[in-house]
Amino acid sequence: MAMKGAIVVDRERCKGCGVCMVNCPVQVIGLTKEVNAKGYPICYMANPEECTGCTNCATVCPDSVITVYRVKV
């Protein structure tokens, strides 16, 4: 049974470091062109259909701003 995932990012706490991007095995995450109140770009699901819910992004995030949701499909 396959897993489908989704991430939710705390937009105001994300500092756009990109650690989540390089640790995503299926290249789901990108950085927005817009910035948050602190002036940082925000990570988001650039390729949401590819997310497997592996939780790598949430595990490596230095500020714990990513929550991963998984469902069986």
Foldseek 3Di string as FASTA:
>chain_A
DAKAKAKDFPQQPDQQPCPLQVQDPQRQKDWDPDHHPVRHTGIHGPPRRRHRQPCRSQVPPPRNGMDMDMDDD
